Protein backbone atom coordinates (compact mmCIF):
# COMPACT_ATOMS: atom_id res chain seq x y z
CA MET A 1 -0.08 0.04 -0.03
CA PRO A 2 1.18 3.31 -0.75
CA ALA A 3 2.83 5.31 1.79
CA LYS A 4 1.00 8.20 3.21
CA PRO A 5 2.61 11.66 3.19
CA ALA A 6 5.15 12.42 5.99
CA GLY A 7 4.09 14.65 8.56
CA LYS A 8 0.35 14.07 8.33
CA PRO A 9 -1.46 12.01 10.95
CA ALA A 10 -3.19 9.06 9.31
CA ASP A 11 -6.37 9.18 11.22
CA ALA A 12 -6.81 12.96 11.15
CA PRO A 13 -10.22 13.99 10.22
CA ALA A 14 -11.14 15.84 7.13
CA ALA A 15 -11.03 19.63 7.99
CA GLU A 16 -14.72 21.15 8.06
CA PRO A 17 -15.07 23.99 5.74
CA ALA A 18 -14.90 27.46 7.45
CA ALA A 19 -17.88 29.09 8.74
CA LYS A 20 -19.70 31.84 6.31
CA PRO A 21 -20.23 35.11 7.61
CA ALA A 22 -23.81 35.77 9.03
CA GLY A 23 -26.25 36.36 6.34
CA GLN A 24 -24.23 35.19 3.55
CA PRO A 25 -25.93 32.38 1.55
CA ALA A 26 -24.14 29.06 1.33
CA ASP A 27 -22.06 28.33 -1.88
CA GLU A 28 -23.87 26.78 -4.43
CA GLY A 29 -23.19 23.07 -4.80
CA GLY A 30 -21.03 23.37 -1.64
CA ALA A 31 -23.28 20.64 0.30
CA SER A 32 -23.66 17.13 -0.41
CA ASP A 33 -26.87 15.68 -1.45
CA GLY A 34 -29.19 15.37 1.41
CA ALA A 35 -27.03 17.24 3.71
CA THR A 36 -28.84 19.65 6.21
CA VAL A 37 -27.80 23.22 6.06
CA ARG A 38 -27.17 24.54 9.44
CA GLU A 39 -28.48 27.92 10.69
CA PRO A 40 -25.79 30.48 11.78
CA GLU A 41 -25.29 30.60 15.44
CA GLY A 42 -24.87 33.70 17.54
CA PRO A 43 -22.90 34.16 20.66
CA GLN A 44 -23.16 31.22 23.06
CA GLY A 45 -25.11 29.24 20.65
CA THR A 46 -28.06 31.73 20.17
CA ARG A 47 -29.62 31.81 16.79
CA ARG A 48 -29.58 34.95 14.75
CA MET A 49 -32.73 36.73 13.61
CA PRO A 50 -33.04 37.34 9.80
CA LEU A 51 -32.48 40.81 8.84
CA PRO A 52 -35.31 42.87 7.50
CA LEU A 53 -35.78 43.59 3.76
CA PRO A 54 -34.57 46.74 2.47
CA PRO A 55 -37.31 49.45 2.26
CA ASP A 56 -37.79 49.12 -1.39
CA LYS A 57 -38.63 45.50 -0.89
CA GLN A 58 -41.07 45.58 1.83
CA PRO A 59 -44.46 43.79 1.16
CA LEU A 60 -46.88 46.64 1.00
CA LYS A 61 -44.46 48.68 -1.06
CA LEU A 62 -44.10 45.88 -3.49
CA LEU A 63 -47.88 45.23 -3.45
CA ALA A 64 -48.59 48.85 -4.26
CA GLU A 65 -45.94 48.83 -7.09
CA LEU A 66 -47.78 45.88 -8.50
CA THR A 67 -51.23 47.18 -8.33
CA ASN A 68 -51.31 50.88 -8.51
CA THR A 69 -51.41 52.84 -11.77
CA PRO A 70 -48.99 55.70 -11.78
CA PRO A 71 -50.87 59.09 -11.99
CA PRO A 72 -50.65 60.98 -15.23
CA PRO A 73 -48.18 63.69 -15.74
CA GLU A 74 -49.21 67.17 -14.45
CA THR A 75 -50.31 69.67 -17.05
CA PRO A 76 -51.85 73.14 -16.51
CA LEU A 77 -55.06 71.91 -17.93
CA ARG A 78 -55.23 69.07 -15.31
CA THR A 79 -54.32 71.65 -12.65
CA VAL A 80 -57.22 74.05 -13.61
CA LEU A 81 -59.62 71.04 -13.80
CA ARG A 82 -58.69 69.93 -10.50
CA ARG A 83 -59.03 73.26 -8.85
CA PHE A 84 -62.51 73.67 -10.56
CA LYS A 85 -63.71 70.55 -9.06
CA ILE A 86 -62.71 71.51 -5.54
CA TRP A 87 -64.06 75.22 -5.59
CA THR A 88 -67.11 74.96 -7.57
CA PRO A 89 -69.25 73.36 -4.75
CA LEU A 90 -68.05 76.09 -2.31
CA VAL A 91 -68.90 78.78 -4.87
CA VAL A 92 -72.32 77.51 -5.57
CA LEU A 93 -73.06 77.26 -1.80
CA LEU A 94 -71.89 80.74 -1.27
CA ALA A 95 -74.09 82.06 -4.14
CA VAL A 96 -77.20 80.39 -2.91
CA VAL A 97 -76.68 82.00 0.61
CA PHE A 98 -76.13 85.27 -0.78
CA VAL A 99 -79.34 85.15 -2.78
CA VAL A 100 -81.36 83.94 0.15
CA VAL A 101 -79.98 86.82 2.42
CA GLN A 102 -80.49 89.50 -0.43
CA ALA A 103 -84.08 88.27 -0.87
CA VAL A 104 -84.96 88.58 2.81
CA ARG A 105 -82.83 91.59 3.56
CA PRO A 106 -85.11 94.78 4.53
CA LEU A 107 -85.39 97.34 1.89
CA PRO A 108 -83.83 100.70 2.75
CA SER A 109 -86.09 103.46 3.68
CA PRO A 110 -87.12 105.73 0.61
CA HIS A 111 -86.10 109.45 0.97
CA LEU A 112 -86.74 112.65 -0.81
CA THR A 113 -84.06 114.40 -2.79
CA LEU A 114 -84.30 117.97 -4.00
CA THR A 115 -83.57 118.30 -7.69
CA ALA A 116 -84.85 121.96 -8.04
CA SER A 117 -82.64 125.00 -7.45
CA PRO A 118 -81.87 124.99 -3.60
CA THR A 119 -82.22 128.68 -3.42
CA PHE A 120 -84.50 131.46 -4.69
CA THR A 121 -83.55 135.13 -4.96
CA PHE A 122 -86.11 137.90 -5.57
CA SER A 123 -85.58 139.82 -8.83
CA GLY A 124 -84.63 143.56 -8.98
CA THR A 125 -82.32 145.87 -7.70
CA PRO A 126 -81.37 144.76 -4.03
CA LEU A 127 -83.60 146.83 -1.63
CA THR A 128 -80.71 147.04 0.87
CA ARG A 129 -78.82 149.18 -1.62
CA THR A 130 -81.53 151.67 -2.13
CA MET A 131 -82.60 152.26 1.34
CA PRO A 132 -81.95 155.73 2.76
CA TRP A 133 -79.71 154.87 5.53
CA PRO A 134 -78.58 157.64 7.90
CA SER A 135 -75.08 159.01 7.08
CA GLU A 136 -74.23 159.31 10.90
CA GLY A 137 -74.53 157.37 13.86
CA GLN A 138 -75.69 153.75 13.97
CA SER A 139 -78.81 151.99 12.34
CA VAL A 140 -80.08 148.42 11.78
CA ALA A 141 -83.42 147.04 10.49
CA GLU A 142 -84.89 143.67 9.81
CA VAL A 143 -88.12 142.04 8.88
CA GLU A 144 -89.08 139.66 11.55
CA GLY A 145 -88.79 136.14 10.23
CA LEU A 146 -87.39 137.02 6.81
CA GLY A 147 -84.09 138.44 8.00
CA SER A 148 -81.83 141.52 8.28
CA LEU A 149 -82.03 144.35 5.88
CA GLY A 150 -78.46 145.70 6.89
CA VAL A 151 -76.38 147.20 9.65
CA HIS A 152 -74.98 150.57 9.05
CA GLY A 153 -72.33 152.53 11.26
CA LYS A 154 -69.65 151.33 13.74
CA GLN A 155 -71.17 149.26 16.34
CA THR A 156 -69.57 151.07 19.47
CA PRO A 157 -71.47 151.31 22.64
CA VAL A 158 -73.04 154.76 22.94
CA PRO A 159 -75.65 156.46 25.37
CA ILE A 160 -79.07 155.51 24.55
CA ALA A 161 -81.17 157.69 26.93
CA SER A 162 -85.01 156.58 27.35
CA LEU A 163 -84.47 153.50 25.07
CA THR A 164 -83.45 152.17 28.46
CA LYS A 165 -87.08 152.13 29.29
CA VAL A 166 -87.87 149.20 26.96
CA MET A 167 -85.59 146.89 29.15
CA THR A 168 -87.33 148.27 32.29
CA ALA A 169 -90.88 147.34 30.87
CA TYR A 170 -89.49 144.04 29.72
CA VAL A 171 -88.18 143.16 33.13
CA ILE A 172 -91.45 144.29 34.80
CA LEU A 173 -93.52 142.28 32.52
CA HIS A 174 -91.23 139.21 32.94
CA ASP A 175 -91.56 139.43 36.80
CA HIS A 176 -95.25 140.24 36.65
CA PRO A 177 -96.87 138.85 33.55
CA LEU A 178 -100.01 140.28 32.16
CA SER A 179 -102.27 138.86 29.38
CA GLY A 180 -105.21 140.00 27.65
CA SER A 181 -106.88 143.13 29.09
CA GLN A 182 -105.65 142.39 32.67
CA GLY A 183 -104.57 145.60 34.67
CA GLY A 184 -102.42 143.50 37.11
CA PRO A 185 -101.40 144.47 40.55
CA THR A 186 -102.01 147.91 42.01
CA ILE A 187 -98.87 150.12 42.62
CA THR A 188 -98.90 153.19 45.02
CA VAL A 189 -96.97 156.40 44.02
CA ASP A 190 -94.54 157.11 46.63
CA ALA A 191 -93.16 160.40 47.87
CA GLN A 192 -90.06 160.36 45.71
CA ALA A 193 -91.94 159.60 42.44
CA ALA A 194 -94.30 162.61 43.18
CA LYS A 195 -91.57 164.90 43.98
CA GLU A 196 -89.72 163.78 40.72
CA ALA A 197 -92.79 164.67 38.71
CA GLY A 198 -91.99 168.26 39.16
CA SER A 199 -88.46 168.18 37.64
CA ASP A 200 -87.95 170.43 34.57
CA ASP A 201 -84.72 168.99 33.27
CA GLN A 202 -86.13 165.32 32.36
CA SER A 203 -89.13 163.83 31.04
CA THR A 204 -91.75 162.80 33.71
CA ALA A 205 -95.28 161.72 34.29
CA PRO A 206 -97.56 164.09 36.44
CA VAL A 207 -98.50 161.94 39.31
CA LYS A 208 -99.18 162.76 42.96
CA GLU A 209 -98.11 160.85 46.16
CA GLY A 210 -100.64 158.17 47.32
CA GLN A 211 -102.24 157.63 43.80
CA ARG A 212 -102.72 154.08 42.92
CA PHE A 213 -102.57 152.72 39.46
CA ASP A 214 -102.49 149.24 38.05
CA GLU A 215 -99.40 147.75 36.45
CA ARG A 216 -100.78 148.36 32.91
CA ARG A 217 -101.44 151.97 33.73
CA MET A 218 -98.04 152.32 35.16
CA LEU A 219 -96.44 150.90 31.88
CA GLN A 220 -98.47 153.44 30.01
CA LEU A 221 -97.01 156.26 32.15
CA LEU A 222 -93.66 154.88 31.57
CA LEU A 223 -93.48 154.40 27.99
CA ILE A 224 -95.99 156.96 26.42
CA PRO A 225 -94.56 160.05 27.96
CA SER A 226 -91.33 158.44 28.91
CA GLY A 227 -91.59 159.17 32.59
CA ASN A 228 -88.39 158.92 34.35
CA ASN A 229 -90.01 158.87 37.60
CA ILE A 230 -92.26 156.14 36.66
CA ALA A 231 -89.18 154.02 35.69
CA ARG A 232 -87.49 154.30 39.09
CA LEU A 233 -90.82 153.85 41.02
CA LEU A 234 -91.30 150.50 39.08
CA ALA A 235 -87.81 149.64 39.79
CA ARG A 236 -88.16 150.11 43.57
CA TRP A 237 -91.77 148.39 43.44
CA ASP A 238 -90.14 145.21 41.63
CA ALA A 239 -86.74 144.86 43.36
CA GLY A 240 -86.59 147.16 46.44
CA THR A 241 -84.02 149.47 45.05
CA GLN A 242 -83.09 150.85 41.79
CA GLU A 243 -79.79 149.23 42.22
CA ALA A 244 -81.15 145.80 42.62
CA PHE A 245 -83.39 146.39 39.68
CA VAL A 246 -80.33 147.20 37.55
CA ALA A 247 -78.75 143.99 38.32
CA LYS A 248 -81.85 142.21 36.92
CA MET A 249 -81.79 144.47 33.78
CA THR A 250 -78.03 143.47 33.35
CA ALA A 251 -78.60 139.89 33.78
CA THR A 252 -81.39 139.96 31.09
CA ALA A 253 -79.31 141.69 28.73
CA LYS A 254 -76.80 138.96 29.11
CA ARG A 255 -79.27 136.17 28.50
CA LEU A 256 -80.57 138.13 25.39
CA GLY A 257 -76.99 138.12 24.04
CA MET A 258 -76.63 141.93 24.38
CA ALA A 259 -72.96 141.71 25.02
CA GLN A 260 -72.02 145.44 24.33
CA THR A 261 -74.86 146.84 26.58
CA THR A 262 -74.46 148.24 30.07
CA TYR A 263 -77.35 149.46 32.35
CA THR A 264 -76.70 151.81 35.05
CA GLY A 265 -80.32 153.03 35.83
CA ALA A 266 -83.82 152.37 35.06
CA SER A 267 -84.65 155.54 33.29
CA GLY A 268 -81.73 156.11 30.97
CA ILE A 269 -81.00 159.54 32.08
CA GLU A 270 -77.55 158.23 32.95
CA GLU A 271 -75.09 158.66 30.20
CA THR A 272 -73.26 155.54 31.50
CA THR A 273 -76.10 153.59 30.13
CA VAL A 274 -74.86 152.48 26.89
CA SER A 275 -75.57 150.02 24.01
CA THR A 276 -75.40 149.50 20.17
CA SER A 277 -78.09 149.50 17.53
CA VAL A 278 -77.64 145.65 17.09
CA ASP A 279 -78.05 145.14 20.69
CA GLN A 280 -81.03 147.18 21.07
CA LEU A 281 -82.67 145.33 17.83
CA LYS A 282 -82.16 142.00 19.84
CA LEU A 283 -84.37 143.48 22.66
CA ALA A 284 -86.79 144.85 20.19
CA ARG A 285 -87.24 141.54 18.50
CA GLU A 286 -87.96 139.89 22.07
CA VAL A 287 -90.10 142.46 23.73
CA MET A 288 -92.47 142.90 20.73
CA LYS A 289 -93.49 139.20 21.25
CA ASN A 290 -95.47 140.46 24.35
CA ASP A 291 -99.17 141.31 23.47
CA VAL A 292 -99.33 143.85 26.40
CA PHE A 293 -96.16 145.75 25.50
CA ARG A 294 -97.29 145.98 21.87
CA SER A 295 -100.71 147.49 22.73
CA VAL A 296 -98.99 150.11 25.10
CA VAL A 297 -96.25 151.26 22.66
CA ALA A 298 -98.77 151.69 19.88
CA LEU A 299 -100.83 154.25 21.58
CA PRO A 300 -100.42 157.80 20.32
CA ASN A 301 -102.23 159.08 23.48
CA VAL A 302 -104.17 157.78 26.37
CA ASP A 303 -106.44 159.04 29.05
CA ILE A 304 -105.51 158.01 32.56
CA PRO A 305 -107.94 158.85 35.55
CA GLY A 306 -106.39 161.26 37.97
CA VAL A 307 -103.77 162.46 35.42
CA GLY A 308 -105.62 163.35 32.08
CA ARG A 309 -104.51 162.83 28.67
CA ILE A 310 -100.96 161.86 28.00
CA TYR A 311 -99.27 162.01 24.57
CA ASN A 312 -96.64 159.93 23.04
CA ASN A 313 -93.56 161.71 21.90
CA ASN A 314 -93.17 159.51 18.84
CA ASN A 315 -94.84 161.66 16.20
CA ASP A 316 -94.29 158.91 13.87
CA LEU A 317 -97.19 156.98 15.48
CA VAL A 318 -99.67 158.85 13.31
CA LYS A 319 -97.96 157.50 10.21
CA VAL A 320 -99.61 154.51 8.41
CA GLY A 321 -98.51 151.29 9.67
CA VAL A 322 -96.09 152.50 12.46
CA VAL A 323 -96.45 150.94 15.80
CA GLY A 324 -93.91 152.35 18.12
CA ILE A 325 -91.67 151.49 19.88
CA LYS A 326 -89.56 154.03 21.90
CA THR A 327 -87.86 157.25 21.48
CA GLY A 328 -84.69 158.55 23.39
CA SER A 329 -83.04 161.84 23.45
CA SER A 330 -80.41 163.65 25.41
CA THR A 331 -77.42 165.81 24.78
CA PRO A 332 -74.91 162.71 25.01
CA ALA A 333 -77.35 160.38 23.15
CA GLY A 334 -78.49 162.87 20.40
CA GLY A 335 -81.75 161.51 18.91
CA ALA A 336 -82.54 157.80 19.13
CA LEU A 337 -85.52 155.59 18.27
CA MET A 338 -86.35 152.04 18.46
CA TRP A 339 -89.19 151.60 15.83
CA ALA A 340 -91.58 149.15 14.65
CA ALA A 341 -94.00 149.08 11.67
CA HIS A 342 -96.28 146.83 9.75
CA LYS A 343 -96.88 145.96 6.12
CA THR A 344 -99.42 143.58 4.84
CA VAL A 345 -98.62 141.49 1.78
CA ASP A 346 -100.84 138.89 0.60
CA GLY A 347 -103.04 139.02 3.59
CA LYS A 348 -99.97 138.46 5.89
CA GLN A 349 -98.88 141.12 8.12
CA GLN A 350 -95.11 141.44 8.31
CA LEU A 351 -93.41 143.14 11.24
CA VAL A 352 -90.52 145.62 10.39
CA LEU A 353 -88.19 146.45 13.26
CA GLY A 354 -85.18 149.02 13.48
CA VAL A 355 -83.04 151.15 15.46
CA VAL A 356 -81.30 154.24 14.96
CA LEU A 357 -78.81 155.97 17.62
CA GLN A 358 -76.73 158.99 17.71
CA GLN A 359 -78.76 161.25 15.35
CA ARG A 360 -77.90 165.07 15.38
CA GLY A 361 -79.78 167.79 13.81
CA GLY A 362 -80.57 171.60 14.76
CA THR A 363 -79.57 173.19 18.02
CA THR A 364 -81.61 171.49 20.45
CA VAL A 365 -82.03 167.83 21.94
CA ASP A 366 -85.57 167.93 20.58
CA ASP A 367 -83.98 168.83 17.11
CA SER A 368 -81.95 165.81 17.28
CA LEU A 369 -85.04 163.67 18.18
CA GLN A 370 -86.90 164.85 15.27
CA THR A 371 -84.00 164.03 13.00
CA ALA A 372 -84.04 160.41 14.35
CA LEU A 373 -87.73 160.40 13.76
CA THR A 374 -87.63 161.62 10.13
CA ARG A 375 -84.73 159.37 9.20
CA SER A 376 -86.33 156.53 10.74
CA GLN A 377 -89.66 157.20 8.93
CA ALA A 378 -87.62 157.18 5.56
CA LEU A 379 -86.32 153.91 6.25
CA ILE A 380 -89.80 152.61 7.33
CA GLU A 381 -91.31 153.85 4.20
CA SER A 382 -88.55 152.42 2.04
CA VAL A 383 -89.06 148.91 3.50
CA GLN A 384 -92.96 149.02 3.19
CA GLY A 385 -92.60 149.90 -0.25
CA GLY A 386 -90.05 147.20 -1.13
CA LEU A 387 -91.81 144.32 0.40
CA GLY A 388 -93.75 142.17 -1.96
CA SER A 389 -94.45 138.48 -3.09
CA ALA A 390 -93.34 136.38 -5.82
CA THR A 391 -94.13 132.85 -7.28
CA VAL A 392 -91.24 130.65 -6.48
CA VAL A 393 -92.48 127.32 -7.90
CA LYS A 394 -95.62 126.69 -9.87
CA LYS A 395 -98.17 124.09 -9.33
CA GLY A 396 -96.96 120.71 -10.98
CA THR A 397 -93.44 121.60 -11.23
CA VAL A 398 -91.08 118.60 -10.64
CA VAL A 399 -88.87 119.66 -7.78
CA GLY A 400 -87.39 116.34 -6.52
CA THR A 401 -87.59 112.59 -6.51
CA VAL A 402 -88.32 109.80 -4.28
CA ASP A 403 -85.05 107.54 -4.08
CA ASP A 404 -85.90 103.98 -3.05
CA GLY A 405 -82.25 103.43 -2.10
CA LEU A 406 -81.74 100.81 -4.72
CA GLY A 407 -81.13 103.05 -7.77
CA GLY A 408 -84.83 103.71 -8.63
CA SER A 409 -86.48 107.20 -8.44
CA THR A 410 -89.87 108.46 -8.80
CA PRO A 411 -90.59 112.32 -9.59
CA ILE A 412 -92.53 114.30 -6.96
CA VAL A 413 -94.20 117.55 -8.10
CA THR A 414 -95.72 120.63 -6.23
CA THR A 415 -99.51 120.65 -5.65
CA LYS A 416 -99.97 124.25 -5.39
CA ASP A 417 -98.06 127.38 -6.31
CA LEU A 418 -95.35 128.07 -3.91
CA THR A 419 -95.26 132.06 -3.07
CA ALA A 420 -93.10 133.84 -0.79
CA ILE A 421 -92.87 137.44 0.67
CA GLY A 422 -89.57 139.38 0.44
CA TRP A 423 -87.76 142.13 -1.15
CA ALA A 424 -85.72 142.59 -4.24
CA GLY A 425 -82.34 140.85 -3.84
CA MET A 426 -83.40 138.69 -0.78
CA LYS A 427 -82.11 134.98 -1.09
CA GLN A 428 -83.94 132.22 0.52
CA GLU A 429 -83.26 128.46 0.70
CA LEU A 430 -85.75 125.78 -0.51
CA THR A 431 -86.12 122.72 1.81
CA LEU A 432 -87.80 119.36 0.81
CA THR A 433 -89.21 117.56 3.88
CA ALA A 434 -90.80 114.15 4.04
CA ALA A 435 -94.08 113.76 5.62
CA ASP A 436 -94.59 112.43 9.14
CA GLY A 437 -94.03 108.51 9.22
CA GLY A 438 -91.61 108.90 6.18
CA VAL A 439 -92.09 107.86 2.62
CA PRO A 440 -94.02 104.77 1.52
CA HIS A 441 -92.18 101.99 -0.42
CA HIS A 442 -95.07 101.93 -2.97
CA ALA A 443 -97.90 104.41 -3.52
CA ALA A 444 -100.12 105.59 -6.41
CA ALA A 445 -99.42 108.72 -8.28
CA GLY A 446 -100.69 112.08 -6.54
CA THR A 447 -100.02 110.75 -3.20
CA GLU A 448 -98.75 113.36 -0.84
CA VAL A 449 -95.31 112.48 0.50
CA GLY A 450 -93.86 115.73 1.92
CA THR A 451 -93.67 119.43 1.70
CA LEU A 452 -91.54 122.07 -0.14
CA SER A 453 -90.70 125.24 1.90
CA LEU A 454 -89.05 128.55 1.47
CA GLY A 455 -87.25 130.44 4.40
CA THR A 456 -87.39 129.67 8.07
CA GLY A 457 -89.30 130.65 11.31
CA ALA A 458 -92.37 132.71 11.22
CA ALA A 459 -91.88 133.73 7.69
CA ARG A 460 -91.58 130.10 6.31
CA THR A 461 -93.83 129.20 3.46
CA THR A 462 -94.82 125.60 2.54
CA VAL A 463 -96.74 123.71 -0.02
CA PRO A 464 -97.41 119.78 -0.23
CA VAL A 465 -95.50 117.66 -2.77
CA ALA A 466 -96.93 114.55 -4.19
CA LEU A 467 -95.83 111.61 -6.42
CA GLY A 468 -95.77 112.44 -10.18
CA SER A 469 -96.04 108.78 -11.05
CA ASP A 470 -96.76 105.58 -9.30
CA LEU A 471 -94.12 104.42 -6.79
CA SER A 472 -93.17 100.75 -7.03
CA GLU A 473 -91.50 98.60 -4.57
CA PRO A 474 -88.00 97.45 -5.75
CA GLY A 475 -87.91 94.11 -7.85
CA PHE A 476 -85.96 90.92 -6.96
CA GLY A 477 -83.18 91.90 -9.35
CA ALA A 478 -82.78 95.41 -7.58
CA LYS A 479 -82.70 93.39 -4.29
CA LEU A 480 -79.76 91.03 -5.63
CA THR A 481 -77.67 94.29 -6.62
CA HIS A 482 -78.33 96.10 -3.23
CA PHE A 483 -75.18 96.19 -1.05
């Protein structure tokens, strides 16, 4: 038998193949048929867990790759179609909500809109330019309720003499009101008033101590002969002293806005009692609202038991339409007059008021008073002649529309001629006002829906306005477009 190679034991077993690294598959053909492949062992004989498949080989991923169809490539058209599918239902829902809300939303309140010219000016040369205003002193005039006719002269406070008695009478009537034909409380002439009645250097009323006159008679003695002694007597009767009464006069002037007026006595004999024509017009406007005062200052004369007939020193009271108010004259004041007159136009009586101060003429105080009276009368006649009426809007004229608030409008017309009183050059505003309760949403042609007026206050002139055609409620289409 052949000899074995030297150096190698005869019985040495065949060497086992070296172990493969974990996870490495066995060599193909490396095991004999029928041989069992041993699982790799871990430390201390533990078996190793098989490693997970790579992410791209996981079952769900593989299943998705086998069953899903890849999306088509993105294009601008597909992007638009996808967005359309998403937003269309939302837009439709919002549109439905909008339509429902607009359909049930309350309609706006209709309102009137003026389409005619908002102002009217009386034709002709302006009256205020042609009036014979005094070239000296201060003067002012107005038509009550219509407006001012002008202010002339620097409005510097000056002595006003017996115009002061207008405030005295106003305070007395405020503290002791009279109405109708009432005489009022009885007032006794005291010793001081009787003594002052004999004064030769001031205007007084001829009364005697102990005589008793009611308040109305005392006002006549105050204003018609311009009794200074009666002014001071009334002040003492009302407030206890003349000083206390002057405090009331001052407070009243402040309340009436007479900022440039100072009262230092009840009669006006003091030259420290000063005012302006504009301030005195404020007082005239207020005091002429009192029926009793108006009735007294309009008297050219009056018979008083125990005194006799007393005369008003306002000679202009004999002129047509002149109704007072009060004269004033002194060396410091010159001639002064607070006047009132009437003019009837279209059956309506218009009250004209004015004041002139610091008028001078001749050589005496009475001459200055006569100058004030003459110049005032010229103003009065100018205003009386200049007042007239004009047709502002004729019946049936379209003057505005009813605006339904949704873009629809219906014409409105006057149902009568609108006429107004004024003077050449006077400018007034037109106003369109809805009827009480507002304008309806629908009504037939001819339905009155408001008024058209010119001017303000007592001189305001008004006519009704009505629908020029049927007023219809806004349709569904108008509601949808209402925002």
